[in-house]
Amino acid sequence: MSLGVFLAVLFAAFLHAAWNALVKLDAGKLQAMLIMTLVQGALGLTIALLRPFPSAGVWPWLIASGAVHSLYKFLLAYAYTKGDLSRVYPIARGAAPMLVALGGVVLLPDAISTLDYLGIGLLGLGVVMMSRGVFTGGEERRLLPFAIGSAVATACYSVIDGLGARVDGDAVTFVAWMFALDGMIYGSVALTTTGTHMLRATARTWALGGAASVASYGAYAIAVWAMTQAPIQLVTALRETSILFAVLIGWLVFKDRMDGTKAFAAALILAGVAISRLSPG
């Protein structure tokens, strides 16, 4: 992975943690997620209509991606109603690289080194320690299935998007259509199940949702572009440096409890990412 791609993915990681913090900041997390997705979908559709139309081979990837992204957002929003940002986010994000690395042995054409697998293993150990706090720290355990479910969805859409964007080699167009489809799917399901009153939000919720949509769009557009330039497993792992940003934001902004286990788990996750960076792959 070149230095330019490495730094771009680090910036994307910061943006990813930032939009999660914006959603968590609002009292109506499901409402904020809906607004973010609708604004994001409108932005994606606008960009998509200005770009060359994707080839027929891209559409199965796009439809699958839109559906999985929608599932991921539902699971993540519910997780945030049950637990802290600095607990939910590392579990939701940290497990994904392990799943991608394991699935990549069979599903992905990219070869990664033993050192890369060591780094991803360390990252996984950090995630296990972070999850352990749910059972020993008196926190709400109901966050766990939603956080783990969002991690599985993250792993699935990472593989789908990485391979799908390579079909035409146009990450910008792929991401634009993906967000447009995600907005249609998530918006339709959310409004059908909860009612149109979800759109009657305060100006603050609309502002937070709009800001989150821009950060989320930028973060993922960079990540998918990076997946066309470097192994998908490594890009997925490097994105998880966002965990450090999320833990710090949770601690400093939301006053989440910061104990030694949580701090050490975050350090292990980052060490795993750092080792992957040292690899010649």
Protein backbone atom coordinates (compact mmCIF):
# COMPACT_ATOMS: atom_id res chain seq x y z
CA MET A 1 0.00 0.00 0.00
CA SER A 2 1.47 3.35 -1.04
CA LEU A 3 1.90 6.21 1.43
CA GLY A 4 -0.73 8.27 -0.40
CA VAL A 5 -3.36 5.52 -0.10
CA PHE A 6 -2.35 4.92 3.53
CA LEU A 7 -2.85 8.60 4.49
CA ALA A 8 -6.12 8.83 2.54
CA VAL A 9 -7.57 5.86 4.40
CA LEU A 10 -6.47 7.36 7.74
CA PHE A 11 -8.40 10.52 6.88
CA ALA A 12 -11.39 8.41 5.90
CA ALA A 13 -11.14 6.69 9.30
CA PHE A 14 -11.38 10.04 11.07
CA LEU A 15 -14.42 11.02 8.99
CA HIS A 16 -16.07 7.70 9.82
CA ALA A 17 -15.67 8.16 13.55
CA ALA A 18 -16.93 11.75 13.21
CA TRP A 19 -20.22 10.80 11.54
CA ASN A 20 -20.87 8.09 14.12
CA ALA A 21 -20.33 10.66 16.84
CA LEU A 22 -22.79 13.03 15.15
CA VAL A 23 -25.48 10.32 15.07
CA LYS A 24 -24.79 9.38 18.69
CA LEU A 25 -24.96 13.08 19.67
CA ASP A 26 -28.62 13.30 18.72
CA ALA A 27 -31.25 11.99 21.13
CA GLY A 28 -33.26 10.44 18.26
CA LYS A 29 -30.60 8.14 16.85
CA LEU A 30 -32.89 6.26 14.44
CA GLN A 31 -34.26 9.58 13.21
CA ALA A 32 -30.77 11.04 12.76
CA MET A 33 -29.69 7.92 10.85
CA LEU A 34 -32.71 8.22 8.55
CA ILE A 35 -32.05 11.87 7.80
CA MET A 36 -28.37 11.15 7.20
CA THR A 37 -29.22 8.35 4.78
CA LEU A 38 -31.79 10.38 2.83
CA VAL A 39 -29.44 13.35 2.43
CA GLN A 40 -26.64 10.97 1.51
CA GLY A 41 -28.88 9.26 -1.05
CA ALA A 42 -29.83 12.57 -2.66
CA LEU A 43 -26.15 13.56 -2.86
CA GLY A 44 -25.24 10.18 -4.34
CA LEU A 45 -28.02 10.32 -6.95
CA THR A 46 -26.97 13.84 -8.00
CA ILE A 47 -23.37 12.73 -8.52
CA ALA A 48 -24.44 9.47 -10.20
CA LEU A 49 -26.51 11.26 -12.83
CA LEU A 50 -23.49 13.36 -13.79
CA ARG A 51 -21.29 10.28 -14.28
CA PRO A 52 -21.16 7.57 -16.99
CA PHE A 53 -23.83 4.90 -16.44
CA PRO A 54 -22.45 1.70 -14.85
CA SER A 55 -22.15 -1.40 -17.00
CA ALA A 56 -24.59 -4.29 -16.57
CA GLY A 57 -22.01 -6.29 -14.63
CA VAL A 58 -21.88 -3.68 -11.85
CA TRP A 59 -25.59 -3.66 -10.97
CA PRO A 60 -25.79 -6.95 -9.03
CA TRP A 61 -22.96 -5.66 -6.83
CA LEU A 62 -24.68 -2.29 -6.39
CA ILE A 63 -28.06 -3.78 -5.43
CA ALA A 64 -26.43 -6.15 -2.93
CA SER A 65 -24.37 -3.30 -1.52
CA GLY A 66 -27.36 -0.99 -1.05
CA ALA A 67 -29.27 -3.71 0.82
CA VAL A 68 -26.37 -4.65 3.11
CA HIS A 69 -25.53 -1.01 3.88
CA SER A 70 -29.15 -0.44 4.91
CA LEU A 71 -29.06 -3.46 7.22
CA TYR A 72 -25.80 -2.20 8.72
CA LYS A 73 -27.31 1.20 9.51
CA PHE A 74 -30.38 -0.28 11.19
CA LEU A 75 -28.22 -2.49 13.39
CA LEU A 76 -25.81 0.32 14.26
CA ALA A 77 -28.54 2.80 15.15
CA TYR A 78 -30.16 0.28 17.50
CA ALA A 79 -26.76 -0.51 19.06
CA TYR A 80 -26.29 3.18 19.85
CA THR A 81 -29.61 3.24 21.70
CA LYS A 82 -28.22 0.53 24.01
CA GLY A 83 -24.58 1.47 24.68
CA ASP A 84 -21.69 3.92 24.68
CA LEU A 85 -19.98 5.13 21.50
CA SER A 86 -16.61 4.00 22.90
CA ARG A 87 -17.99 0.48 23.47
CA VAL A 88 -20.30 -0.04 20.48
CA TYR A 89 -18.01 1.44 17.85
CA PRO A 90 -14.90 -0.71 18.50
CA ILE A 91 -16.97 -3.90 18.55
CA ALA A 92 -18.89 -2.95 15.41
CA ARG A 93 -15.81 -1.88 13.48
CA GLY A 94 -13.06 -4.01 14.94
CA ALA A 95 -14.54 -7.42 14.15
CA ALA A 96 -14.99 -6.65 10.45
CA PRO A 97 -11.31 -6.97 9.37
CA MET A 98 -11.08 -10.41 10.96
CA LEU A 99 -14.14 -11.55 9.07
CA VAL A 100 -12.86 -10.06 5.81
CA ALA A 101 -9.44 -11.66 6.30
CA LEU A 102 -10.99 -15.08 6.95
CA GLY A 103 -13.46 -14.81 4.08
CA GLY A 104 -10.81 -13.32 1.84
CA VAL A 105 -8.89 -16.59 1.79
CA VAL A 106 -11.72 -17.99 -0.33
CA LEU A 107 -13.50 -14.96 -1.78
CA LEU A 108 -10.81 -12.38 -2.59
CA PRO A 109 -8.08 -12.42 -5.23
CA ASP A 110 -5.75 -10.27 -3.08
CA ALA A 111 -2.87 -12.06 -1.35
CA ILE A 112 -1.74 -10.76 2.04
CA SER A 113 1.27 -11.73 4.15
CA THR A 114 1.68 -13.61 7.41
CA LEU A 115 2.53 -10.29 9.09
CA ASP A 116 -0.79 -8.91 7.88
CA TYR A 117 -2.63 -11.83 9.46
CA LEU A 118 -0.70 -11.28 12.70
CA GLY A 119 -1.81 -7.66 12.74
CA ILE A 120 -5.43 -8.60 12.11
CA GLY A 121 -5.19 -11.23 14.88
CA LEU A 122 -4.01 -8.60 17.37
CA LEU A 123 -6.86 -6.40 16.27
CA GLY A 124 -9.25 -9.26 16.97
CA LEU A 125 -7.85 -9.76 20.46
CA GLY A 126 -8.52 -6.11 21.17
CA VAL A 127 -12.11 -6.52 20.01
CA VAL A 128 -12.61 -9.51 22.33
CA MET A 129 -11.32 -7.45 25.26
CA MET A 130 -13.58 -4.55 24.30
CA SER A 131 -16.59 -6.88 24.15
CA ARG A 132 -15.69 -8.39 27.53
CA GLY A 133 -16.43 -5.06 29.20
CA VAL A 134 -20.09 -5.46 28.32
CA PHE A 135 -20.27 -8.48 30.65
CA THR A 136 -17.97 -7.28 33.44
CA GLY A 137 -18.56 -3.52 33.52
CA GLY A 138 -22.27 -3.44 34.27
CA GLU A 139 -23.14 -2.02 30.85
CA GLU A 140 -26.21 -2.78 28.75
CA ARG A 141 -25.63 -6.23 27.23
CA ARG A 142 -28.38 -5.85 24.68
CA LEU A 143 -26.03 -3.72 22.56
CA LEU A 144 -23.90 -6.79 21.77
CA PRO A 145 -25.99 -8.58 19.10
CA PHE A 146 -26.62 -5.30 17.29
CA ALA A 147 -22.93 -4.31 17.40
CA ILE A 148 -21.77 -7.75 16.24
CA GLY A 149 -24.45 -7.83 13.57
CA SER A 150 -23.24 -4.49 12.23
CA ALA A 151 -19.70 -5.91 12.14
CA VAL A 152 -20.87 -8.84 10.00
CA ALA A 153 -22.68 -6.42 7.69
CA THR A 154 -19.53 -4.26 7.48
CA ALA A 155 -17.46 -7.27 6.44
CA CYS A 156 -20.04 -8.22 3.79
CA TYR A 157 -20.31 -4.78 2.22
CA SER A 158 -16.53 -4.32 2.29
CA VAL A 159 -16.08 -7.39 0.11
CA ILE A 160 -19.05 -6.51 -2.11
CA ASP A 161 -17.95 -2.92 -2.66
CA GLY A 162 -14.28 -3.70 -3.11
CA LEU A 163 -14.98 -6.26 -5.82
CA GLY A 164 -17.90 -4.35 -7.33
CA ALA A 165 -15.93 -1.12 -7.75
CA ARG A 166 -13.25 -3.04 -9.65
CA VAL A 167 -15.67 -4.20 -12.36
CA ASP A 168 -15.66 -0.83 -14.15
CA GLY A 169 -12.74 0.61 -12.23
CA ASP A 170 -14.81 3.71 -11.36
CA ALA A 171 -15.07 4.06 -7.59
CA VAL A 172 -16.76 7.48 -7.76
CA THR A 173 -19.70 6.21 -9.82
CA PHE A 174 -20.00 3.01 -7.80
CA VAL A 175 -20.17 4.85 -4.48
CA ALA A 176 -22.67 7.39 -5.86
CA TRP A 177 -25.12 4.71 -7.03
CA MET A 178 -24.57 2.65 -3.89
CA PHE A 179 -25.59 5.56 -1.64
CA ALA A 180 -28.53 6.38 -3.90
CA LEU A 181 -29.81 2.78 -3.61
CA ASP A 182 -29.07 2.70 0.11
CA GLY A 183 -31.14 5.86 0.55
CA MET A 184 -34.07 4.33 -1.35
CA ILE A 185 -33.96 1.01 0.53
CA TYR A 186 -33.29 2.32 4.03
CA GLY A 187 -35.64 5.26 3.59
CA SER A 188 -38.50 3.09 2.34
CA VAL A 189 -38.16 0.53 5.14
CA ALA A 190 -37.71 3.13 7.87
CA LEU A 191 -40.66 5.28 6.80
CA THR A 192 -42.89 2.23 6.29
CA THR A 193 -42.14 0.73 9.69
CA THR A 194 -42.00 3.91 11.78
CA GLY A 195 -44.14 6.42 9.86
CA THR A 196 -43.49 9.72 8.13
CA HIS A 197 -43.40 11.52 11.48
CA MET A 198 -39.71 10.56 11.51
CA LEU A 199 -39.15 13.37 9.00
CA ARG A 200 -40.60 15.95 11.38
CA ALA A 201 -37.32 16.52 13.11
CA THR A 202 -35.85 19.54 14.83
CA ALA A 203 -33.47 21.85 13.00
CA ARG A 204 -30.68 20.43 15.16
CA THR A 205 -31.40 16.86 14.08
CA TRP A 206 -31.50 17.87 10.41
CA ALA A 207 -28.21 19.74 10.82
CA LEU A 208 -26.53 16.81 12.56
CA GLY A 209 -27.90 14.35 10.02
CA GLY A 210 -26.78 16.53 7.12
CA ALA A 211 -23.27 16.94 8.54
CA ALA A 212 -23.06 13.19 9.22
CA SER A 213 -24.13 12.44 5.64
CA VAL A 214 -21.29 14.51 4.16
CA ALA A 215 -18.70 12.94 6.50
CA SER A 216 -20.01 9.43 5.83
CA TYR A 217 -20.08 9.91 2.08
CA GLY A 218 -16.52 11.23 2.00
CA ALA A 219 -15.22 8.51 4.31
CA TYR A 220 -16.62 5.67 2.27
CA ALA A 221 -15.82 7.14 -1.13
CA ILE A 222 -12.16 7.29 -0.08
CA ALA A 223 -12.28 3.73 1.28
CA VAL A 224 -13.79 2.22 -1.88
CA TRP A 225 -11.29 4.08 -4.05
CA ALA A 226 -8.50 2.68 -1.85
CA MET A 227 -9.89 -0.83 -2.36
CA THR A 228 -9.26 -0.41 -6.09
CA GLN A 229 -5.63 0.51 -5.34
CA ALA A 230 -4.65 -1.92 -2.55
CA PRO A 231 -5.73 -5.28 -1.06
CA ILE A 232 -9.27 -5.11 0.33
CA GLN A 233 -8.23 -6.88 3.55
CA LEU A 234 -5.60 -4.22 4.34
CA VAL A 235 -7.84 -1.28 3.52
CA THR A 236 -10.57 -2.74 5.74
CA ALA A 237 -8.10 -3.18 8.60
CA LEU A 238 -6.57 0.29 8.23
CA ARG A 239 -10.00 1.91 8.32
CA GLU A 240 -10.32 0.64 11.87
CA THR A 241 -7.90 3.30 13.12
CA SER A 242 -11.21 5.14 13.33
CA ILE A 243 -11.64 3.19 16.57
CA LEU A 244 -9.08 5.40 18.28
CA PHE A 245 -10.91 8.53 17.15
CA ALA A 246 -14.25 7.09 18.32
CA VAL A 247 -12.93 6.08 21.74
CA LEU A 248 -11.39 9.52 22.25
CA ILE A 249 -14.57 11.29 21.10
CA GLY A 250 -16.68 9.08 23.37
CA TRP A 251 -14.42 9.82 26.31
CA LEU A 252 -13.93 13.55 25.74
CA VAL A 253 -17.31 14.56 24.28
CA PHE A 254 -19.84 12.06 25.67
CA LYS A 255 -17.98 11.45 28.96
CA ASP A 256 -18.03 7.70 28.40
CA ARG A 257 -16.25 5.78 31.14
CA MET A 258 -12.61 5.11 30.26
CA ASP A 259 -11.10 2.23 32.20
CA GLY A 260 -7.82 0.41 31.80
CA THR A 261 -9.31 -2.55 29.94
CA LYS A 262 -11.00 -0.33 27.37
CA ALA A 263 -7.83 1.71 26.82
CA PHE A 264 -5.66 -1.41 26.49
CA ALA A 265 -8.13 -3.00 24.09
CA ALA A 266 -8.06 0.11 21.90
CA ALA A 267 -4.25 0.02 21.98
CA LEU A 268 -4.23 -3.62 20.84
CA ILE A 269 -6.55 -2.79 17.96
CA LEU A 270 -4.28 0.03 16.83
CA ALA A 271 -1.18 -2.15 17.24
CA GLY A 272 -2.73 -4.68 14.90
CA VAL A 273 -3.34 -2.00 12.30
CA ALA A 274 0.23 -0.69 12.71
CA ILE A 275 1.72 -4.16 12.17
CA SER A 276 -0.32 -4.54 9.00
CA ARG A 277 1.15 -1.25 7.77
CA LEU A 278 4.71 -2.56 8.34
CA SER A 279 4.01 -5.48 6.04
CA PRO A 280 5.46 -5.26 2.51
CA GLY A 281 2.00 -6.21 1.24
